[in-house]
Protein backbone atom coordinates (compact mmCIF):
# COMPACT_ATOMS: atom_id res chain seq x y z
CA UNK A 1 -28.59 -26.45 7.30
CA UNK A 2 -31.93 -25.23 6.38
CA UNK A 3 -31.70 -22.13 4.06
CA UNK A 4 -34.13 -19.98 6.25
CA UNK A 5 -32.20 -20.52 9.06
CA UNK A 6 -29.17 -18.46 7.52
CA UNK A 7 -28.81 -15.04 8.74
CA UNK A 8 -28.20 -12.30 6.43
CA UNK A 9 -24.89 -11.84 8.51
CA UNK A 10 -23.97 -15.70 8.29
CA UNK A 11 -24.76 -16.10 4.46
CA UNK A 12 -22.30 -12.81 3.93
CA UNK A 13 -19.59 -14.46 5.67
CA UNK A 14 -19.95 -17.54 3.52
CA UNK A 15 -20.28 -15.51 0.38
CA UNK A 16 -17.00 -13.97 1.27
CA UNK A 17 -15.25 -17.23 1.91
CA UNK A 18 -16.78 -18.14 -1.39
CA UNK A 19 -14.78 -15.13 -3.09
CA UNK A 20 -11.75 -16.32 -1.53
CA UNK A 21 -11.33 -14.36 1.69
CA UNK A 22 -9.11 -15.94 4.22
CA UNK A 23 -8.74 -13.38 6.72
CA UNK A 24 -10.49 -10.32 8.31
CA UNK A 25 -9.34 -7.76 10.51
CA UNK A 26 -11.74 -6.30 13.10
CA UNK A 27 -13.21 -5.43 16.55
CA UNK A 28 -16.46 -7.34 17.58
CA UNK A 29 -19.17 -4.86 19.07
CA UNK A 30 -22.64 -4.95 19.92
CA UNK A 31 -23.49 -3.77 16.06
CA UNK A 32 -21.45 -6.47 14.65
CA UNK A 33 -22.54 -9.93 16.59
CA UNK A 34 -24.32 -11.07 13.78
CA UNK A 35 -21.32 -10.81 11.33
CA UNK A 36 -19.36 -12.81 13.71
CA UNK A 37 -22.52 -15.37 14.39
CA UNK A 38 -20.97 -16.66 10.55
CA UNK A 39 -17.52 -16.65 11.02
CA UNK A 40 -16.97 -20.29 12.84
CA UNK A 41 -16.78 -22.89 10.50
CA UNK A 42 -16.36 -20.29 7.65
CA UNK A 43 -12.59 -21.27 6.78
CA UNK A 44 -12.00 -17.47 7.52
CA UNK A 45 -9.39 -16.33 10.21
CA UNK A 46 -10.37 -13.30 12.14
CA UNK A 47 -7.47 -11.02 13.97
CA UNK A 48 -8.36 -8.97 16.50
CA UNK A 49 -7.02 -5.62 16.29
CA UNK A 50 -6.83 -3.10 19.23
CA UNK A 51 -8.32 -0.14 17.33
CA UNK A 52 -10.33 -0.02 14.17
CA UNK A 53 -7.74 2.13 12.59
CA UNK A 54 -5.12 -0.77 13.07
CA UNK A 55 -7.96 -3.01 11.09
CA UNK A 56 -7.84 -0.40 8.40
CA UNK A 57 -4.19 0.16 8.28
CA UNK A 58 -3.58 -4.29 8.30
CA UNK A 59 -6.42 -4.77 5.69
CA UNK A 60 -4.03 -2.22 3.41
CA UNK A 61 -0.90 -4.11 4.34
CA UNK A 62 -2.25 -7.66 3.75
CA UNK A 63 -3.54 -6.09 0.17
CA UNK A 64 -0.22 -4.74 -0.70
CA UNK A 65 1.78 -8.03 0.51
CA UNK A 66 -0.81 -10.52 -1.14
CA UNK A 67 -2.34 -8.46 -4.19
CA UNK A 68 -5.87 -9.87 -2.69
CA UNK A 69 -8.52 -7.52 -1.41
CA UNK A 70 -7.78 -6.63 2.43
CA UNK A 71 -11.10 -7.33 4.26
CA UNK A 72 -12.22 -5.54 7.66
CA UNK A 73 -15.21 -5.64 9.88
CA UNK A 74 -16.17 -2.63 11.76
CA UNK A 75 -19.02 -1.10 13.86
CA UNK A 76 -21.49 1.27 12.83
CA UNK A 77 -20.64 4.92 13.76
CA UNK A 78 -17.40 5.31 15.43
CA UNK A 79 -15.75 2.33 13.93
CA UNK A 80 -16.45 3.72 10.62
CA UNK A 81 -14.89 6.96 11.52
CA UNK A 82 -11.69 5.51 13.30
CA UNK A 83 -11.17 3.42 9.97
CA UNK A 84 -11.88 6.29 7.97
CA UNK A 85 -8.01 7.33 7.86
CA UNK A 86 -7.12 4.12 6.91
CA UNK A 87 -9.79 3.81 3.87
CA UNK A 88 -8.83 7.27 2.82
CA UNK A 89 -5.15 5.89 2.69
CA UNK A 90 -5.96 2.86 0.75
CA UNK A 91 -7.80 5.09 -1.75
CA UNK A 92 -4.95 7.41 -2.35
CA UNK A 93 -2.80 4.53 -3.37
CA UNK A 94 -5.32 2.33 -5.19
CA UNK A 95 -5.42 -0.28 -2.85
CA UNK A 96 -8.23 -3.18 -2.91
CA UNK A 97 -10.18 -3.03 0.50
CA UNK A 98 -13.74 -4.26 1.65
CA UNK A 99 -14.92 -2.46 4.56
CA UNK A 100 -18.09 -4.04 5.95
CA UNK A 101 -19.64 -2.22 8.51
CA UNK A 102 -22.94 -2.48 10.18
CA UNK A 103 -25.31 0.67 10.42
CA UNK A 104 -28.69 1.16 12.65
CA UNK A 105 -31.88 -0.25 12.15
CA UNK A 106 -33.46 0.44 8.76
CA UNK A 107 -36.15 2.08 10.20
CA UNK A 108 -34.20 4.58 12.16
CA UNK A 109 -31.79 5.74 9.14
CA UNK A 110 -31.65 9.36 8.77
CA UNK A 111 -34.23 10.18 11.27
CA UNK A 112 -31.94 11.38 14.41
CA UNK A 113 -33.54 9.50 16.98
CA UNK A 114 -30.48 9.16 18.97
CA UNK A 115 -29.89 5.24 18.60
CA UNK A 116 -26.45 3.91 19.72
CA UNK A 117 -23.78 4.81 17.13
CA UNK A 118 -26.01 6.97 15.11
CA UNK A 119 -24.50 9.11 12.22
CA UNK A 120 -26.62 11.27 9.90
CA UNK A 121 -25.46 9.66 6.84
CA UNK A 122 -23.02 6.89 7.42
CA UNK A 123 -22.72 6.59 3.63
CA UNK A 124 -21.82 9.95 2.96
CA UNK A 125 -18.85 10.11 5.31
CA UNK A 126 -17.04 7.11 3.39
CA UNK A 127 -18.41 8.07 0.02
CA UNK A 128 -15.31 10.47 -1.10
CA UNK A 129 -12.66 8.06 0.00
CA UNK A 130 -14.19 4.89 -1.47
CA UNK A 131 -14.95 3.46 -5.21
CA UNK A 132 -18.19 3.30 -3.80
CA UNK A 133 -20.22 3.45 -0.77
CA UNK A 134 -23.74 1.67 -0.27
CA UNK A 135 -26.16 0.39 2.32
CA UNK A 136 -27.54 -2.72 1.76
CA UNK A 137 -31.53 -2.14 2.49
CA UNK A 138 -32.38 -6.02 2.12
CA UNK A 139 -30.14 -9.11 2.40
CA UNK A 140 -30.84 -9.61 -1.25
CA UNK A 141 -28.83 -6.58 -1.93
CA UNK A 142 -25.93 -7.91 -0.62
CA UNK A 143 -24.68 -10.72 -3.34
CA UNK A 144 -25.32 -7.75 -5.92
CA UNK A 145 -22.78 -5.47 -3.91
CA UNK A 146 -20.26 -7.79 -3.31
CA UNK A 147 -20.35 -8.53 -6.97
CA UNK A 148 -19.92 -5.01 -7.54
CA UNK A 149 -16.93 -4.67 -5.23
CA UNK A 150 -14.91 -7.43 -6.92
CA UNK A 151 -15.73 -5.82 -10.38
CA UNK A 152 -13.64 -2.83 -8.75
CA UNK A 153 -11.02 -5.09 -7.63
CA UNK A 154 -10.73 -6.97 -10.71
CA UNK A 155 -11.74 -4.70 -13.44
CA UNK A 156 -11.32 -1.02 -12.63
CA UNK A 157 -8.86 0.99 -10.56
CA UNK A 158 -8.80 -0.89 -7.26
CA UNK A 159 -9.76 1.10 -4.27
CA UNK A 160 -11.91 0.41 -1.28
CA UNK A 161 -15.02 -0.41 -1.24
CA UNK A 162 -17.64 0.40 2.32
CA UNK A 163 -20.59 -1.63 2.25
CA UNK A 164 -22.90 -0.90 5.47
CA UNK A 165 -25.32 -3.60 6.62
CA UNK A 166 -28.44 -2.46 8.79
CA UNK A 167 -29.13 -4.39 12.03
CA UNK A 168 -32.23 -5.84 11.22
CA UNK A 169 -30.83 -7.05 7.73
CA UNK A 170 -28.16 -8.88 9.67
CA UNK A 171 -30.23 -10.40 11.83
CA UNK A 172 -33.20 -11.05 9.50
CA UNK A 173 -33.11 -14.93 8.10
CA UNK A 174 -32.62 -14.79 4.14
CA UNK A 175 -35.25 -15.66 2.07
CA UNK A 176 -32.91 -17.83 -0.25
CA UNK A 177 -29.32 -18.83 0.08
CA UNK A 178 -27.24 -16.47 -2.14
CA UNK A 179 -23.93 -17.48 -0.52
CA UNK A 180 -22.22 -19.15 -3.35
CA UNK A 181 -23.18 -16.80 -6.14
CA UNK A 182 -19.83 -15.52 -7.18
CA UNK A 183 -19.29 -13.38 -9.93
CA UNK A 184 -16.36 -12.56 -11.14
CA UNK A 185 -15.43 -10.08 -13.92
CA UNK A 186 -13.55 -10.67 -17.09
CA UNK A 187 -10.42 -8.41 -16.22
CA UNK A 188 -9.21 -5.33 -17.52
CA UNK A 189 -8.49 -5.81 -21.53
CA UNK A 190 -6.19 -4.24 -23.76
CA UNK A 191 -6.24 -0.95 -25.85
CA UNK A 192 -7.52 -0.86 -29.50
CA UNK A 193 -5.03 -2.05 -31.92
CA UNK A 194 -4.60 1.29 -33.78
CA UNK A 195 -3.66 2.63 -30.56
CA UNK A 196 -1.04 0.00 -29.49
CA UNK A 197 0.28 0.66 -33.22
CA UNK A 198 0.66 4.20 -32.80
CA UNK A 199 2.52 3.94 -29.23
CA UNK A 200 4.86 0.97 -30.52
CA UNK A 201 5.66 3.26 -33.58
CA UNK A 202 6.49 5.95 -31.31
CA UNK A 203 8.74 3.88 -28.99
CA UNK A 204 10.59 2.13 -32.01
CA UNK A 205 11.29 5.83 -33.42
CA UNK A 206 12.85 6.88 -29.94
CA UNK A 207 16.40 7.72 -29.44
CA UNK A 208 16.41 7.98 -25.67
CA UNK A 209 13.35 6.21 -24.42
CA UNK A 210 12.57 5.79 -20.64
CA UNK A 211 9.78 4.42 -18.55
CA UNK A 212 8.09 4.86 -15.38
CA UNK A 213 6.23 2.47 -13.73
CA UNK A 214 4.01 2.63 -10.64
CA UNK A 215 1.57 0.50 -8.30
CA UNK A 216 -0.72 -0.37 -11.15
CA UNK A 217 2.22 -2.24 -12.81
CA UNK A 218 3.20 -4.92 -10.37
CA UNK A 219 1.96 -7.95 -12.22
CA UNK A 220 3.84 -6.47 -15.37
CA UNK A 221 7.57 -6.99 -13.99
CA UNK A 222 8.41 -9.35 -16.40
CA UNK A 223 7.07 -7.69 -19.31
CA UNK A 224 8.20 -4.56 -18.36
CA UNK A 225 12.02 -6.20 -17.80
CA UNK A 226 11.78 -7.28 -21.37
CA UNK A 227 10.46 -3.88 -22.79
CA UNK A 228 13.39 -2.22 -20.95
CA UNK A 229 16.00 -4.65 -22.41
CA UNK A 230 14.35 -4.20 -26.02
CA UNK A 231 14.40 -0.54 -26.05
CA UNK A 232 17.40 -0.01 -24.00
CA UNK A 233 15.37 2.31 -21.74
CA UNK A 234 16.01 3.16 -18.01
CA UNK A 235 13.14 1.98 -15.92
CA UNK A 236 12.12 4.30 -13.07
CA UNK A 237 9.44 3.17 -10.71
CA UNK A 238 7.39 5.18 -8.43
CA UNK A 239 7.39 4.14 -4.46
CA UNK A 240 4.34 2.09 -5.06
CA UNK A 241 6.31 0.19 -8.06
CA UNK A 242 9.58 -0.48 -6.15
CA UNK A 243 10.91 -3.81 -6.81
CA UNK A 244 9.76 -4.42 -10.48
CA UNK A 245 13.09 -4.85 -12.00
CA UNK A 246 15.84 -6.79 -9.55
CA UNK A 247 18.48 -4.59 -7.69
CA UNK A 248 21.37 -5.07 -10.18
CA UNK A 249 19.49 -4.58 -13.39
CA UNK A 250 21.63 -2.14 -15.17
CA UNK A 251 18.52 -0.31 -16.57
CA UNK A 252 16.98 -0.08 -12.86
CA UNK A 253 16.85 3.69 -12.26
CA UNK A 254 14.90 2.99 -9.10
CA UNK A 255 12.71 5.13 -7.30
CA UNK A 256 15.16 8.30 -7.86
CA UNK A 257 12.37 10.52 -9.61
CA UNK A 258 12.06 12.52 -6.26
CA UNK A 259 15.70 13.66 -6.17
CA UNK A 260 17.61 15.90 -8.57
CA UNK A 261 19.71 13.09 -10.53
CA UNK A 262 16.54 11.47 -11.17
CA UNK A 263 14.65 14.58 -12.48
CA UNK A 264 17.66 15.42 -14.65
CA UNK A 265 17.68 12.01 -16.45
CA UNK A 266 14.28 11.87 -17.00
CA UNK A 267 14.34 15.35 -18.74
CA UNK A 268 16.66 13.65 -21.15
CA UNK A 269 14.03 11.34 -22.69
CA UNK A 270 12.96 12.07 -25.98
CA UNK A 271 9.57 9.19 -25.45
CA UNK A 272 8.53 8.54 -22.14
CA UNK A 273 6.25 5.45 -21.28
CA UNK A 274 4.52 5.96 -18.01
CA UNK A 275 2.46 2.20 -16.86
CA UNK A 276 -0.08 2.50 -13.92
CA UNK A 277 1.29 5.49 -12.44
CA UNK A 278 -0.66 8.10 -11.08
CA UNK A 279 2.39 10.73 -11.55
CA UNK A 280 1.56 12.81 -8.74
CA UNK A 281 3.49 15.25 -6.85
CA UNK A 282 3.90 13.11 -3.82
CA UNK A 283 5.45 10.48 -6.16
CA UNK A 284 8.09 13.28 -7.58
CA UNK A 285 8.28 15.75 -4.65
CA UNK A 286 8.05 18.41 -6.70
CA UNK A 287 5.01 20.38 -8.10
CA UNK A 288 5.91 19.44 -11.70
CA UNK A 289 8.37 16.77 -13.35
CA UNK A 290 10.28 18.50 -16.26
CA UNK A 291 9.42 16.20 -19.17
CA UNK A 292 10.69 17.23 -22.49
CA UNK A 293 9.70 13.98 -24.69
CA UNK A 294 6.36 12.92 -25.78
CA UNK A 295 4.24 11.03 -23.15
CA UNK A 296 2.66 7.48 -23.65
CA UNK A 297 0.58 6.51 -20.50
CA UNK A 298 -0.83 3.20 -19.90
CA UNK A 299 -3.24 3.16 -17.43
CA UNK A 300 -6.88 1.53 -16.00
CA UNK A 301 -7.98 4.81 -15.17
CA UNK A 302 -9.20 7.20 -18.12
CA UNK A 303 -9.37 10.25 -15.74
CA UNK A 304 -5.43 9.97 -15.70
CA UNK A 305 -5.00 10.75 -19.56
CA UNK A 306 -5.87 14.31 -19.69
CA UNK A 307 -4.54 15.37 -15.66
CA UNK A 308 -1.60 16.93 -14.85
CA UNK A 309 0.44 15.35 -17.70
CA UNK A 310 -1.47 15.14 -20.85
CA UNK A 311 -0.23 12.58 -23.41
CA UNK A 312 0.38 12.04 -26.68
CA UNK A 313 -1.12 8.42 -26.73
CA UNK A 314 -3.75 7.17 -24.47
CA UNK A 315 -3.43 3.46 -23.67
CA UNK A 316 -6.67 2.40 -21.59
CA UNK A 317 -6.15 -1.11 -20.18
CA UNK A 318 -4.59 -3.97 -18.14
CA UNK A 319 -0.72 -3.06 -17.33
CA UNK A 320 0.96 -6.52 -18.35
CA UNK A 321 -1.47 -7.30 -21.16
CA UNK A 322 -0.92 -4.04 -22.76
CA UNK A 323 2.86 -3.93 -22.34
CA UNK A 324 2.85 -7.57 -23.69
CA UNK A 325 1.04 -6.20 -26.74
CA UNK A 326 3.50 -3.59 -27.23
CA UNK A 327 6.41 -5.84 -27.06
CA UNK A 328 4.62 -8.07 -29.90
CA UNK A 329 4.82 -4.78 -32.12
CA UNK A 330 8.14 -3.96 -31.40
CA UNK A 331 11.22 -4.77 -33.60
CA UNK A 332 12.74 -8.42 -31.60
CA UNK A 333 16.22 -7.24 -31.74
CA UNK A 334 17.76 -5.09 -28.90
CA UNK A 335 19.12 -1.99 -29.15
CA UNK A 336 22.80 -1.17 -27.73
CA UNK A 337 22.19 -0.11 -24.01
CA UNK A 338 25.83 1.17 -23.49
CA UNK A 339 24.77 4.41 -23.10
CA UNK A 340 21.56 4.03 -21.45
CA UNK A 341 23.24 1.62 -18.70
CA UNK A 342 26.11 4.42 -18.43
CA UNK A 343 23.47 7.09 -17.59
CA UNK A 344 21.89 4.89 -15.16
CA UNK A 345 25.22 4.05 -13.18
CA UNK A 346 26.07 7.78 -13.20
CA UNK A 347 22.51 8.09 -11.92
CA UNK A 348 23.27 5.98 -8.86
CA UNK A 349 26.62 7.41 -7.98
CA UNK A 350 25.06 11.04 -8.19
CA UNK A 351 22.11 10.20 -5.62
CA UNK A 352 24.77 8.80 -3.32
CA UNK A 353 26.70 12.00 -3.82
CA UNK A 354 23.85 14.14 -3.20
CA UNK A 355 23.27 12.54 0.33
CA UNK A 356 22.86 15.81 3.11
CA UNK A 357 24.39 14.61 6.56
CA UNK A 358 21.21 12.99 7.52
CA UNK A 359 20.45 11.10 4.58
CA UNK A 360 24.21 9.83 5.12
CA UNK A 361 23.13 8.41 8.25
CA UNK A 362 19.97 6.98 6.51
CA UNK A 363 21.68 5.28 4.15
CA UNK A 364 24.12 3.89 6.87
CA UNK A 365 21.39 2.16 8.72
CA UNK A 366 19.65 1.17 5.65
CA UNK A 367 22.92 -0.67 4.23
CA UNK A 368 22.75 -2.65 7.67
CA UNK A 369 19.24 -3.43 7.17
CA UNK A 370 19.71 -4.74 3.62
CA UNK A 371 22.78 -7.14 4.86
CA UNK A 372 20.50 -8.74 7.36
CA UNK A 373 17.11 -8.72 5.74
CA UNK A 374 15.79 -12.35 4.79
CA UNK A 375 15.52 -12.71 1.02
CA UNK A 376 11.91 -13.05 1.41
CA UNK A 377 11.20 -10.46 3.55
CA UNK A 378 9.24 -7.56 3.06
CA UNK A 379 9.44 -3.77 4.85
CA UNK A 380 6.62 -1.66 6.03
CA UNK A 381 7.33 1.76 6.40
CA UNK A 382 5.66 4.97 8.39
CA UNK A 383 6.03 8.71 7.72
CA UNK A 384 9.45 9.03 8.99
CA UNK A 385 12.31 10.70 7.47
CA UNK A 386 14.37 7.44 7.55
CA UNK A 387 11.57 5.68 5.07
CA UNK A 388 11.42 8.86 2.90
CA UNK A 389 15.23 8.47 2.21
CA UNK A 390 14.82 4.43 1.83
CA UNK A 391 11.75 5.24 -0.48
CA UNK A 392 14.53 6.31 -3.18
CA UNK A 393 17.73 4.84 -1.61
CA UNK A 394 16.73 1.26 -0.75
CA UNK A 395 16.66 -1.38 -3.39
CA UNK A 396 13.85 -3.83 -3.08
CA UNK A 397 14.37 -7.39 -4.15
CA UNK A 398 10.70 -7.86 -5.76
CA UNK A 399 7.46 -6.06 -6.25
CA UNK A 400 5.03 -5.84 -2.87
CA UNK A 401 8.26 -5.89 -0.67
CA UNK A 402 8.27 -1.94 0.43
CA UNK A 403 5.02 -0.65 1.86
CA UNK A 404 4.53 3.19 2.19
CA UNK A 405 1.59 5.54 2.71
CA UNK A 406 2.30 7.64 -0.32
CA UNK A 407 -0.46 9.93 -1.51
CA UNK A 408 -2.34 10.39 1.83
CA UNK A 409 0.79 10.26 4.12
CA UNK A 410 -0.84 9.34 7.31
CA UNK A 411 1.44 8.80 10.45
CA UNK A 412 0.44 5.68 12.10
CA UNK A 413 0.60 3.39 9.13
CA UNK A 414 3.88 1.25 9.13
CA UNK A 415 3.21 -1.07 12.47
CA UNK A 416 -0.37 -2.03 11.75
CA UNK A 417 0.26 -2.31 7.89
CA UNK A 418 3.39 -4.33 8.77
CA UNK A 419 1.19 -6.76 10.90
CA UNK A 420 -1.37 -7.13 8.15
CA UNK A 421 1.17 -7.87 5.64
CA UNK A 422 2.10 -11.07 7.87
CA UNK A 423 -1.17 -12.61 7.40
CA UNK A 424 -0.62 -12.22 3.43
CA UNK A 425 1.54 -15.44 3.40
CA UNK A 426 2.46 -18.03 5.24
CA UNK A 427 6.52 -17.72 4.77
CA UNK A 428 7.70 -13.82 4.54
CA UNK A 429 9.15 -12.22 7.77
CA UNK A 430 8.62 -8.54 8.07
CA UNK A 431 10.36 -5.20 9.22
CA UNK A 432 8.68 -2.42 10.36
CA UNK A 433 10.38 1.17 9.77
CA UNK A 434 8.58 3.71 12.00
CA UNK A 435 9.50 7.19 13.88
CA UNK A 436 8.91 7.87 17.46
CA UNK A 437 5.87 10.18 16.37
CA UNK A 438 4.09 7.84 14.24
CA UNK A 439 4.69 4.75 16.41
CA UNK A 440 2.34 6.34 19.29
CA UNK A 441 -0.19 6.80 16.70
CA UNK A 442 -0.98 2.96 16.77
CA UNK A 443 1.72 1.55 19.09
CA UNK A 444 -1.44 -0.57 21.06
CA UNK A 445 -1.21 -2.85 17.84
CA UNK A 446 1.89 -4.45 19.23
CA UNK A 447 -0.29 -6.53 21.43
CA UNK A 448 -2.27 -7.58 18.04
CA UNK A 449 1.41 -8.58 16.81
CA UNK A 450 2.57 -10.41 20.23
CA UNK A 451 -0.72 -12.62 20.15
CA UNK A 452 -1.26 -13.60 16.66
CA UNK A 453 2.57 -13.88 15.01
CA UNK A 454 4.55 -17.02 15.18
CA UNK A 455 7.24 -15.41 12.43
CA UNK A 456 9.73 -13.15 12.73
CA UNK A 457 8.37 -9.25 12.83
CA UNK A 458 11.06 -6.59 13.79
CA UNK A 459 10.16 -3.02 14.57
CA UNK A 460 13.20 -0.82 13.72
CA UNK A 461 11.74 2.25 16.02
CA UNK A 462 13.93 5.50 14.79
CA UNK A 463 14.11 7.45 17.83
CA UNK A 464 14.87 11.14 17.50
CA UNK A 465 13.08 12.54 20.18
CA UNK A 466 11.34 15.03 17.81
CA UNK A 467 9.00 15.23 14.71
CA UNK A 468 11.95 15.95 12.77
CA UNK A 469 10.88 16.76 9.37
CA UNK A 470 8.23 19.22 10.79
CA UNK A 471 10.95 20.75 12.98
CA UNK A 472 13.29 21.11 9.92
CA UNK A 473 10.68 22.62 7.76
CA UNK A 474 9.78 24.96 10.49
CA UNK A 475 13.29 26.27 10.47
CA UNK A 476 13.55 26.18 7.12
CA UNK A 477 10.55 28.55 6.71
CA UNK A 478 11.97 30.66 9.68
CA UNK A 479 9.18 29.71 11.95
CA UNK A 480 10.20 28.96 15.91
CA UNK A 481 9.83 25.31 16.33
CA UNK A 482 6.53 24.68 18.32
CA UNK A 483 5.17 21.38 19.27
CA UNK A 484 8.10 19.18 17.64
CA UNK A 485 10.15 17.91 20.52
CA UNK A 486 7.41 15.92 22.29
CA UNK A 487 8.11 14.00 25.36
CA UNK A 488 8.47 10.36 24.92
CA UNK A 489 7.85 7.55 27.01
CA UNK A 490 10.04 4.47 27.73
CA UNK A 491 9.82 2.63 24.31
CA UNK A 492 11.60 -0.41 25.55
CA UNK A 493 9.45 -0.57 28.76
CA UNK A 494 6.24 -0.11 26.56
CA UNK A 495 7.08 -2.76 24.22
CA UNK A 496 8.35 -4.92 26.85
CA UNK A 497 4.79 -4.43 28.73
CA UNK A 498 3.27 -5.84 25.27
CA UNK A 499 5.44 -8.87 25.51
CA UNK A 500 8.02 -7.94 22.84
CA UNK A 501 11.72 -9.07 22.69
CA UNK A 502 13.55 -5.63 22.77
CA UNK A 503 16.97 -4.13 22.02
CA UNK A 504 18.54 -0.80 22.13
CA UNK A 505 21.71 -1.07 20.05
CA UNK A 506 24.42 1.51 20.71
CA UNK A 507 26.23 1.16 17.20
CA UNK A 508 25.58 0.28 13.71
CA UNK A 509 27.41 -2.94 14.63
CA UNK A 510 24.98 -3.46 17.15
CA UNK A 511 22.20 -2.81 15.19
CA UNK A 512 23.28 -5.22 12.54
CA UNK A 513 23.54 -8.18 15.11
CA UNK A 514 20.15 -7.01 16.49
CA UNK A 515 18.85 -7.41 13.55
CA UNK A 516 20.07 -10.63 12.89
CA UNK A 517 18.70 -12.04 16.12
CA UNK A 518 15.60 -10.39 15.10
CA UNK A 519 14.91 -12.39 12.09
CA UNK A 520 16.11 -15.06 13.90
CA UNK A 521 13.14 -15.24 16.77
CA UNK A 522 9.97 -16.27 15.99
CA UNK A 523 7.85 -13.55 17.49
CA UNK A 524 7.91 -9.50 17.62
CA UNK A 525 11.10 -7.70 18.40
CA UNK A 526 11.24 -3.81 18.70
CA UNK A 527 14.76 -2.43 18.24
CA UNK A 528 15.04 1.22 19.58
CA UNK A 529 17.71 3.29 17.23
CA UNK A 530 18.46 6.56 19.08
CA UNK A 531 19.71 9.03 16.52
CA UNK A 532 23.20 9.75 18.07
CA UNK A 533 23.41 6.01 17.99
CA UNK A 534 23.84 5.65 14.11
CA UNK A 535 26.53 8.74 13.79
């Protein structure tokens, strides 16, 4: 093909393919036609979603399961505002996402002519919820902007990037073919030797060291396991870090820092190493965690070192390389772990013993899930009470296996993120945990799931015919409950209309059988579990 016959839109799609993009989520519109001209023959799979919010959540789920940036194509104006909630969620949880949208013709920008899909300043709408948002005013800007986006994904705190491309830039032939100009950054590096020495000295001298690992540490599982063993240090994770240690590892304290027994144990630490975790109140379910020991923090984002939890030693760098560098500086012999293992065993018992009646029901359901979930499956969850309990009681078998919209906390995340996660690998089945309230935010994405998926995706719909958490919160504050008892549709009929297999178990034994059947079926199964049936 002669270079000049390549349009900006076509060259951009080729460039993305050269960066390793294999899937994009989106809905074609009159303002993205020139992007779609580039898709045939590019090797990139396009997944048609039913709403741009679904496209954003699918890109997020894809990124969480694959570790690669999720990509979506959306139109100017309403496409961008529809996707904004998903962009905000990815920003809150440090998920790499590339949002490519159109924007009106360059000549019209900011002039208020009333063009189709026009917004006063599209970049300003996504700037606060992205690492950066930029407008490509010429096709020549695009390779630099994509390189800058991948610098964020590869070398900085990964967060969404939004690039708007004017209609005329998408359509015009490029002056030269830059679609092979891939620029990858060298990665994240390690802290200075003196800082590593200081941190290793504090860890070596600690009597009761403990570790907290988050979503920034997902690549450091092996190193963290060695460090935990060598220091005899209980290892806690945030929800984003679930699965970093095997469930049966005797020092695995799990994601229990959001409940009383976890708070009590971390308060006993004399040195705490926090690796790749924001340490936000949404991680701990309380305004401030009681940390009585010295805090050492490993993070790629320098703004984390003096925020809510100022640290004694700030280690700015890549989680895996930094933990490996600490291991090199620590004594090779492992300490006696008896006391630490005992503390973790007591913690696990205390968590189960502290369940209220509702959490006990959740535990019973999650036990059935654990019994039937295929070894390599992942779970995508919504903002629902079943998932809030699962966040700290469900033991993930590996990282990238429990997706939850932690920081932003948006309803409607679970189903589309689960669908997106299915495209991240060729072989992993998925389970979605969603409540009746959140399901109706993005239920239309069942159409995408049924159309596209040929592997088992099981949607477990926990139907308590209520916005249960909000009702409970109102009652707890002595507010008369209003707007928390919605009239729900016939969910089984709805799922059947989309083409799902359906089930409505009437006991926990029934549920376990239906889960087994669902995971044996290539396609989408919706299981509606009524609150009363789980008792």
